[in-house]
Every structure is written in C-alpha cells, then in structure tokens.
Protein backbone atom coordinates (compact mmCIF):
# COMPACT_ATOMS: atom_id res chain seq x y z
CA MET A 1 19.70 13.37 3.18
CA TRP A 2 21.28 10.11 2.02
CA ARG A 3 21.61 11.30 -1.60
CA GLY A 4 23.54 14.28 -0.22
CA VAL A 5 25.86 11.85 1.68
CA LEU A 6 26.50 9.94 -1.57
CA ALA A 7 27.23 13.14 -3.48
CA PHE A 8 29.63 14.25 -0.79
CA ARG A 9 31.41 10.89 -0.98
CA LEU A 10 31.81 11.09 -4.81
CA LEU A 11 33.03 14.72 -4.67
CA THR A 12 35.57 13.95 -1.88
CA TRP A 13 36.82 10.90 -3.78
CA ALA A 14 37.34 13.10 -6.84
CA PHE A 15 39.34 15.53 -4.63
CA ALA A 16 41.41 12.58 -3.23
CA CYS A 17 42.06 11.43 -6.79
CA GLY A 18 43.29 14.86 -7.73
CA THR A 19 45.55 14.96 -4.66
CA VAL A 20 47.18 11.66 -5.54
CA ILE A 21 47.77 12.79 -9.09
CA VAL A 22 49.37 16.06 -7.84
CA GLN A 23 51.53 14.14 -5.30
CA SER A 24 52.42 11.32 -7.72
CA GLY A 25 56.12 10.60 -7.63
CA HIS A 26 56.54 11.89 -4.14
CA TYR A 27 54.95 9.02 -2.20
CA GLN A 28 57.01 6.52 -0.21
CA ARG A 29 55.04 3.75 -1.80
CA GLU A 30 53.51 4.92 -5.10
CA TRP A 31 51.74 1.59 -5.81
CA LEU A 32 50.10 1.58 -2.37
CA ALA A 33 48.77 5.10 -2.89
CA TRP A 34 47.10 4.06 -6.16
CA THR A 35 45.82 0.78 -4.66
CA ILE A 36 44.20 2.57 -1.72
CA LEU A 37 42.58 5.09 -4.10
CA GLY A 38 41.14 2.22 -6.09
CA VAL A 39 39.83 0.65 -2.89
CA MET A 40 38.21 3.98 -2.00
CA ALA A 41 36.57 4.17 -5.42
CA LEU A 42 35.25 0.66 -5.10
CA TRP A 43 33.87 1.28 -1.59
CA SER A 44 32.24 4.48 -2.73
CA VAL A 45 30.32 2.62 -5.34
CA VAL A 46 29.35 -0.34 -3.02
CA SER A 47 28.34 1.86 -0.03
CA SER A 48 26.37 4.18 -2.42
CA PHE A 49 24.37 1.20 -3.61
CA PHE A 50 23.55 0.14 -0.06
CA TYR A 51 22.91 3.63 1.25
CA LEU A 52 20.38 4.43 -1.48
CA ARG A 53 18.04 1.67 -0.29
CA GLU A 54 16.54 1.98 3.17
CA ARG A 55 16.18 -1.83 3.70
CA THR A 56 19.95 -2.24 3.08
CA ARG A 57 20.98 0.63 5.36
CA PRO A 58 21.26 -1.10 8.79
CA PRO A 59 23.23 0.58 11.64
CA ALA A 60 26.02 -2.02 11.25
CA LEU A 61 26.64 -0.73 7.71
CA VAL A 62 27.42 2.78 8.99
CA VAL A 63 29.70 1.36 11.75
CA PHE A 64 31.52 -0.75 9.22
CA ASP A 65 31.94 2.33 7.01
CA LEU A 66 33.54 4.15 9.94
CA VAL A 67 35.92 1.28 10.77
CA PHE A 68 36.86 0.64 7.15
CA THR A 69 37.51 4.33 6.41
CA THR A 70 39.55 4.64 9.63
CA ALA A 71 41.65 1.62 8.59
CA LEU A 72 42.40 3.21 5.23
CA LEU A 73 43.33 6.53 6.94
CA LEU A 74 45.74 4.65 9.21
CA THR A 75 47.70 3.37 6.20
CA SER A 76 49.00 6.86 5.55
CA PRO A 77 52.36 6.38 7.37
CA TRP A 78 53.20 3.59 4.93
CA VAL A 79 52.27 5.70 1.90
CA LEU A 80 53.47 9.29 2.58
CA SER A 81 57.10 10.11 2.78
CA ASP A 82 58.75 11.98 5.67
CA ALA A 83 59.02 15.08 3.50
CA GLN A 84 55.25 15.01 2.75
CA PHE A 85 54.48 14.69 6.46
CA ALA A 86 56.81 17.67 7.15
CA LEU A 87 54.89 19.70 4.50
CA ASN A 88 51.49 18.65 5.99
CA VAL A 89 50.44 17.01 2.76
CA PRO A 90 46.92 15.56 3.09
CA LEU A 91 46.66 11.98 4.28
CA ILE A 92 45.89 9.36 1.62
CA THR A 93 42.15 9.48 2.31
CA THR A 94 42.04 13.33 2.37
CA VAL A 95 38.58 14.80 3.00
CA TRP A 96 37.04 11.45 1.80
CA ALA A 97 37.47 10.28 5.39
CA ALA A 98 34.77 12.75 6.60
CA VAL A 99 31.99 10.85 4.95
CA PRO A 100 31.44 8.31 7.78
CA ALA A 101 30.91 11.19 10.20
CA VAL A 102 28.22 12.60 7.96
CA ALA A 103 26.67 9.15 7.41
CA ALA A 104 26.62 8.47 11.11
CA GLY A 105 24.90 11.83 11.69
CA ALA A 106 22.30 11.00 9.12
CA ARG A 107 21.67 7.49 10.65
CA PHE A 108 22.20 8.02 14.41
CA GLY A 109 21.56 11.73 14.93
CA ALA A 110 23.72 14.40 16.33
CA SER A 111 25.41 12.29 19.04
CA GLY A 112 26.36 9.59 16.49
CA GLY A 113 27.81 12.09 14.11
CA VAL A 114 29.87 13.78 16.81
CA LEU A 115 31.21 10.50 18.08
CA ALA A 116 32.15 9.31 14.54
CA GLY A 117 33.91 12.69 13.95
CA LEU A 118 35.88 12.37 17.10
CA VAL A 119 37.00 8.84 16.17
CA LEU A 120 38.21 10.04 12.89
CA GLY A 121 39.97 13.07 14.53
CA VAL A 122 41.87 10.71 16.87
CA ALA A 123 42.72 8.40 13.89
CA THR A 124 44.09 11.47 12.05
CA GLY A 125 46.38 12.26 15.01
CA LEU A 126 47.60 8.71 15.16
CA ALA A 127 48.33 8.66 11.44
CA ARG A 128 50.30 11.84 11.68
CA GLU A 129 51.97 10.61 14.95
CA LYS A 130 51.28 14.02 16.60
CA PHE A 131 48.40 16.00 18.03
CA ASP A 132 48.92 19.58 17.17
CA LEU A 133 46.63 22.51 16.31
CA ASP A 134 46.04 21.23 12.76
CA VAL A 135 44.89 17.87 14.00
CA ALA A 136 42.72 19.46 16.57
CA ARG A 137 41.08 21.66 13.91
CA ASP A 138 40.44 18.56 11.70
CA GLY A 139 38.85 16.84 14.59
CA VAL A 140 36.60 19.77 15.43
CA LEU A 141 35.54 20.10 11.80
CA LEU A 142 34.79 16.40 11.42
CA ALA A 143 32.71 16.41 14.73
CA ALA A 144 30.92 19.61 13.62
CA ALA A 145 30.03 18.11 10.33
CA GLY A 146 28.54 15.05 12.06
CA LEU A 147 26.72 17.33 14.53
CA LEU A 148 25.10 19.51 11.86
CA VAL A 149 24.05 16.69 9.65
CA GLY A 150 22.71 14.82 12.67
CA MET A 151 20.65 17.74 13.75
CA ALA A 152 19.30 18.18 10.27
CA ALA A 153 18.44 14.53 9.89
CA THR A 154 16.60 14.45 13.23
CA MET A 155 14.59 17.55 12.37
CA GLY A 156 13.85 16.09 8.91
CA ARG A 157 12.55 12.82 10.41
CA ARG A 158 10.43 14.62 12.92
CA SER A 159 9.02 16.94 10.22
CA ALA A 160 8.20 13.98 8.00
CA ALA A 161 6.45 12.07 10.79
CA ARG A 162 4.43 15.21 11.65
CA LEU A 163 3.45 15.72 8.05
CA GLU A 164 2.39 12.06 7.66
CA GLN A 165 0.36 12.29 10.85
CA ALA A 166 -1.34 15.56 9.63
CA LEU A 167 -2.15 13.93 6.27
CA ARG A 168 -3.60 10.83 7.89
CA LYS A 169 -5.65 12.98 10.31
CA GLU A 170 -6.97 15.04 7.47
CA ALA A 171 -7.95 11.88 5.59
CA ALA A 172 -9.58 10.46 8.64
CA THR A 173 -11.49 13.72 9.19
CA ALA A 174 -12.75 13.75 5.57
CA GLU A 175 -13.88 10.08 5.99
CA ARG A 176 -15.67 10.85 9.25
CA GLU A 177 -17.45 13.76 7.61
CA ARG A 178 -18.53 11.41 4.69
CA LEU A 179 -19.77 8.86 7.17
CA ALA A 180 -21.55 11.52 9.25
CA ARG A 181 -23.43 12.75 6.21
CA SER A 182 -24.45 9.19 5.23
CA ILE A 183 -25.48 8.19 8.77
CA HIS A 184 -27.35 11.50 9.25
CA ASP A 185 -29.53 10.66 6.20
CA SER A 186 -30.29 7.12 7.40
CA VAL A 187 -29.48 5.80 10.84
CA LEU A 188 -29.65 9.01 12.83
CA GLN A 189 -32.98 10.09 11.33
CA VAL A 190 -34.52 6.71 12.14
CA LEU A 191 -33.23 6.90 15.73
CA ALA A 192 -34.58 10.46 16.04
CA ARG A 193 -38.04 9.35 14.79
CA VAL A 194 -38.10 6.38 17.19
CA ARG A 195 -37.24 8.66 20.12
CA LYS A 196 -39.84 11.28 19.16
CA ARG A 197 -42.62 8.69 18.57
CA GLY A 198 -41.76 6.71 21.67
CA ASN A 199 -42.04 9.78 23.86
CA GLU A 200 -45.43 10.63 22.30
CA VAL A 201 -46.83 7.06 22.85
CA GLY A 202 -45.43 6.72 26.41
CA GLY A 203 -45.39 3.50 28.42
CA GLU A 204 -42.93 0.77 27.25
CA ALA A 205 -42.35 2.84 24.12
CA ALA A 206 -40.91 5.63 26.23
CA GLU A 207 -38.15 3.24 27.42
CA LEU A 208 -37.34 2.37 23.80
CA ALA A 209 -37.33 6.10 23.08
CA LYS A 210 -34.76 6.64 25.83
CA LEU A 211 -32.48 3.89 24.49
CA ALA A 212 -32.78 5.26 20.94
CA GLY A 213 -31.85 8.67 22.20
CA GLU A 214 -28.72 7.31 23.90
CA GLN A 215 -27.73 5.42 20.78
CA GLU A 216 -28.23 8.55 18.73
CA ILE A 217 -25.96 10.63 20.90
CA ALA A 218 -23.31 7.85 21.04
CA LEU A 219 -23.34 7.47 17.31
CA ARG A 220 -23.11 11.17 16.77
CA SER A 221 -20.06 11.34 19.04
CA LEU A 222 -18.40 8.38 17.27
CA VAL A 223 -18.57 10.01 13.81
CA THR A 224 -17.65 13.50 14.94
CA THR A 225 -14.65 12.86 17.16
CA GLU A 226 -11.07 12.51 15.95
CA PRO A 227 -9.11 9.17 16.19
CA LEU A 228 -8.29 8.15 19.82
CA ARG A 229 -4.80 6.92 19.03
CA SER A 230 -1.97 8.59 17.20
CA ASN A 231 -0.09 6.85 14.41
CA ASP A 232 2.74 5.75 16.71
CA GLY A 233 0.34 4.34 19.34
CA GLU A 234 2.24 6.17 22.15
CA THR A 235 -0.29 8.96 22.62
CA ALA A 236 -4.07 9.12 22.65
CA SER A 237 -6.66 11.95 22.57
CA LEU A 238 -8.28 12.34 25.96
CA ARG A 239 -10.74 14.80 24.41
CA ALA A 240 -12.00 12.28 21.87
CA ALA A 241 -12.21 9.42 24.41
CA LEU A 242 -14.29 11.44 26.84
CA GLN A 243 -16.68 12.64 24.05
CA LEU A 244 -17.64 9.04 23.41
CA LEU A 245 -19.06 8.81 26.96
CA ALA A 246 -21.80 11.34 26.23
CA THR A 247 -25.40 10.01 26.57
CA SER A 248 -28.81 11.48 27.02
CA SER A 249 -28.05 11.85 30.67
CA VAL A 250 -24.36 12.65 30.50
CA GLN A 251 -23.08 15.86 28.99
CA VAL A 252 -19.43 16.13 28.14
CA SER A 253 -17.63 19.47 27.66
CA THR A 254 -14.13 19.63 26.28
CA PRO A 255 -11.69 22.30 24.94
CA ALA A 256 -11.76 23.26 21.31
CA ASP A 257 -8.17 22.06 20.93
CA ASP A 258 -7.14 18.43 21.25
CA VAL A 259 -5.71 17.18 24.57
CA GLU A 260 -3.22 14.48 23.63
CA LEU A 261 -1.52 12.54 26.41
CA PRO A 262 0.48 9.31 26.77
CA ALA A 263 -1.81 6.49 25.92
CA HIS A 264 -1.72 4.85 29.30
CA VAL A 265 -2.57 8.21 31.03
CA THR A 266 -5.60 8.62 28.75
CA ASP A 267 -6.73 5.05 29.40
CA GLU A 268 -6.58 5.53 33.15
CA LEU A 269 -8.46 8.87 33.11
CA VAL A 270 -11.14 7.42 31.01
CA ALA A 271 -11.42 4.42 33.38
CA VAL A 272 -11.71 6.83 36.29
CA THR A 273 -14.44 8.78 34.54
CA ARG A 274 -16.34 5.60 33.80
CA GLU A 275 -16.20 4.55 37.42
CA ALA A 276 -17.54 7.95 38.52
CA LEU A 277 -20.37 7.77 36.03
CA SER A 278 -21.12 4.18 36.97
CA ASN A 279 -21.41 5.38 40.58
CA VAL A 280 -23.87 8.02 39.51
CA GLU A 281 -26.01 5.47 37.72
CA LYS A 282 -26.07 3.13 40.70
CA HIS A 283 -26.64 5.60 43.58
CA ALA A 284 -27.96 8.90 42.22
CA GLY A 285 -31.21 7.50 40.77
CA PRO A 286 -32.46 6.85 37.21
CA ASP A 287 -33.33 10.51 36.57
CA ALA A 288 -30.01 11.93 37.71
CA ARG A 289 -27.94 13.86 35.19
CA ALA A 290 -24.14 14.09 35.06
CA TRP A 291 -21.68 16.51 33.54
CA VAL A 292 -18.08 15.77 32.58
CA LEU A 293 -15.73 18.77 32.09
CA LEU A 294 -12.22 18.46 30.67
CA GLU A 295 -9.79 21.33 31.23
CA ASP A 296 -6.19 21.65 29.87
CA LEU A 297 -4.39 24.05 32.13
CA GLY A 298 -0.96 23.65 30.48
CA GLY A 299 0.88 22.09 33.35
CA GLU A 300 -1.98 19.76 34.29
CA VAL A 301 -5.22 18.30 33.08
CA VAL A 302 -8.36 18.48 35.12
CA VAL A 303 -11.33 16.13 34.65
CA SER A 304 -14.41 16.99 36.69
CA VAL A 305 -17.50 14.65 37.00
CA ARG A 306 -20.54 16.17 38.68
CA ASP A 307 -24.10 14.98 39.11
CA ASP A 308 -27.33 16.41 40.43
CA GLY A 309 -28.15 13.43 42.59
CA PRO A 310 -28.99 13.47 46.30
CA GLY A 311 -25.31 13.38 47.37
CA ILE A 312 -23.62 11.26 50.02
CA PRO A 313 -24.82 11.81 53.62
CA ASP A 314 -22.22 12.95 56.16
CA GLY A 315 -20.28 10.14 57.78
CA VAL A 316 -21.20 7.50 55.29
CA LEU A 317 -17.72 7.37 53.64
CA GLU A 318 -15.93 7.42 57.02
CA ARG A 319 -17.99 4.48 58.34
CA ALA A 320 -17.40 2.58 55.03
CA ALA A 321 -13.68 3.17 55.44
CA ALA A 322 -13.65 2.06 59.01
CA ALA A 323 -15.42 -1.12 58.06
CA GLY A 324 -12.86 -1.80 55.34
CA HIS A 325 -15.24 -1.12 52.39
CA LEU A 326 -13.13 1.26 50.22
CA GLY A 327 -15.08 0.74 47.05
CA VAL A 328 -15.14 3.10 44.10
CA VAL A 329 -13.72 5.96 46.11
CA GLU A 330 -10.35 4.41 46.80
CA SER A 331 -10.33 2.73 43.37
CA ILE A 332 -10.54 6.13 41.74
CA ARG A 333 -8.01 7.74 44.12
CA GLY A 334 -5.62 4.79 43.63
CA ARG A 335 -5.69 5.08 39.83
CA VAL A 336 -5.08 8.77 40.01
CA ARG A 337 -2.31 8.43 42.56
CA ASP A 338 -0.48 6.05 40.26
CA LEU A 339 -0.52 8.79 37.64
CA GLY A 340 1.09 11.29 40.07
CA GLY A 341 -2.11 13.23 40.45
CA SER A 342 -4.86 13.91 42.95
CA ALA A 343 -8.56 13.21 43.15
CA THR A 344 -10.90 15.31 45.34
CA LEU A 345 -14.51 14.28 46.27
CA ASP A 346 -16.95 17.02 47.10
CA THR A 347 -20.41 15.83 48.14
CA GLY A 348 -23.11 16.35 50.76
CA PRO A 349 -26.84 15.81 51.35
CA GLY A 350 -28.86 17.56 48.71
CA ARG A 351 -26.05 18.97 46.66
CA GLY A 352 -24.96 16.08 44.50
CA THR A 353 -21.48 14.59 44.08
CA GLU A 354 -18.40 16.04 42.22
CA TRP A 355 -15.12 14.40 41.53
CA GLU A 356 -12.19 16.68 40.47
CA VAL A 357 -9.24 14.77 39.12
CA ARG A 358 -5.90 16.53 38.43
CA VAL A 359 -2.94 14.89 36.77
CA PRO A 360 0.33 16.36 35.33
CA SER A 361 -0.07 16.88 31.57
CA THR A 362 2.98 14.96 30.49
CA ARG A 363 2.77 15.19 26.75
CA GLY A 364 3.84 12.33 24.42
CA ALA A 365 7.04 12.54 22.40
CA ARG A 366 6.72 14.60 19.21
C-alpha cells in the first residue's frame, strides 16, 4: 500500500513538472514556480524515505505531510497570473496535492482519508478565491480517493492479521499433534497402566488408579485443545477452556466449531463452571458424576452443568437465603448477571442439580 502511495507521489510530481514547463513564461512569478517545484521534489524524496520504513511512519508525519502540502498549495495566488486563474490553469501543486489524502487513508483508514481530502478541497477553494462546481468536484475526488484507499488499507490490515492468526494456529496445531504423539508413547501409556493395575489390586492402589485416570484425562485435554487466547489477547476460546475441566467424573461436550468470546467473558464463564463443579464435589458425594454442555446458539452461548447427585431438598435454598447465607448460588448468579445473562438452577430431591447459564454471544473484534 505504501509503495503505491510513493509511486503515486512520483507520478504526480512528474505531471506537476510537465505543467510548469508548459506554463513557463506565463506565471506571475516564474522563479517562485520553479522554487516550489524544487521543494515538491525534495519533499517527495524525503517523505518517500520515511514512508518506506514502518518505524519512521508515525501519525505525525502524515499530518505534517498534509499541512506542508496545503501550505504549498496556498502559494498559488502568488505564482499564477490573473489570466491563468481565468483559464482554470492547474494550481502550482496540481494533482501532487492529492497524495496526503491517499497517505492519510493508508495510515488512518477511510475516515482519515476523507478528512484529509476535504481539507485539501477547502484549501483549493481558498487558493482560487472561489467555490464553484470545479472546486467542489476536486474536493469530492480528493475525499473519494482518501475513502477508497482507506477502505482498502483497513481491509488489507484485517486480512493480514487473520492470515497471521491462521498461520500461528496451524503451527500450534502441528506442535500439539507432535506433543500428543510423544506423550501418547510415554506418559499416557504409563498413566493408563497405573490406572489399570491399581483397579486390579484394589485398596489404596485404587485411589492411585483414580488419580492417574484423572491426570490422564487432563493431559489428553491439554494436548488436544486449541490455544485459549488469540494472538491479540482480546478474545479467548470458551470451547478450549471448558475442555480442560474434563476429569474421570466430569464429561465435557462442546460444539465442533470453536466458540470464541471476549477474554473476560470466557474467564467468567469458566469461573462459573468451576464453582458449579466444586459444589458437585462438595455436596453430591464422591461417586457423583457431572456433565458440562456448551451450546452456541448464535445470539447467545449456553453452558449447562448437570450432576447425578441427590439434589437439593425443597426449601433449603429459601431458608439459606432468609438466613443471609447466599453462598455459591448467588455467586454464580452475580457473575452471570454482570455479563448481561441469566443463570437458572433446576434441582430437587432425587433428581440431581442442573445449572443453565445463558449469556449474549458478543464476539471479539475481527
């Protein structure tokens, strides 16, 4: 994009040079016309040097380019004669003055390009000391050039960012597959043997077998799930984060496609799920099993946590609330409420407990 800006600047300077040669002998101040043309050439070289290198391309440079070009354009009344103004001869900067609008579009996007184009359009009217149809046309063309380049630059940056993210994700996936193969041939096989042998022996060995089974599941989840955070750190994968909660007693079911949300939303939903699972471990008994289900419904994300424990007897939650003991129930509801969602608890004697959490699926910026 910036190479195109520089090529445009050189081509427009060549056009300005040709215009000065053609109009030579008709200017009010011939020496000033050639001086300004030389300044334009010098600035074309200097600005090209800075624009080619990203670290020397700060926003202030583009703003200075606009101000400097506008100042040169406004010298036209001292250069052109009255006869040249009457014949609508191009101003001393000619189409070279359009470069800052293009540069602003490349640096600031569509809005910056349009604003720079309008500034140059107004300066053109001031230099000609009139605002007629020709001046309006020039202003529209300058603003349109900044708009188009700005839109193209924005789309180019987004495409480059997506491509970089896709390449990094592909590299991370390949690395996880390599680690998974290595771990499967060593650590996972050892854990599987410990689990199998411990269950056969029984007693204290059965407890070790249970721990080995949990570590096996956790390790499998770790090497088979995608990275939690995106490259920009603004979004995180809820699907990947929930998969890491799987154990021998907790089964996690997620969609095939990734569910990427703003990082703080993902963190809160994982915290809510952990609280619900912690409550299962404390109150449903050591043999209770739990299921975590993630659903992406487009407009909202639903996380359900269900267990096969004894459930909560009728009236227990009401009495706890009356006594001021809000506990995990209000902790979960409070977190979800802050996200603009809702949390529903369905429980009863003999039918386990189920939390259904719904939050708007506000996606991260892309």
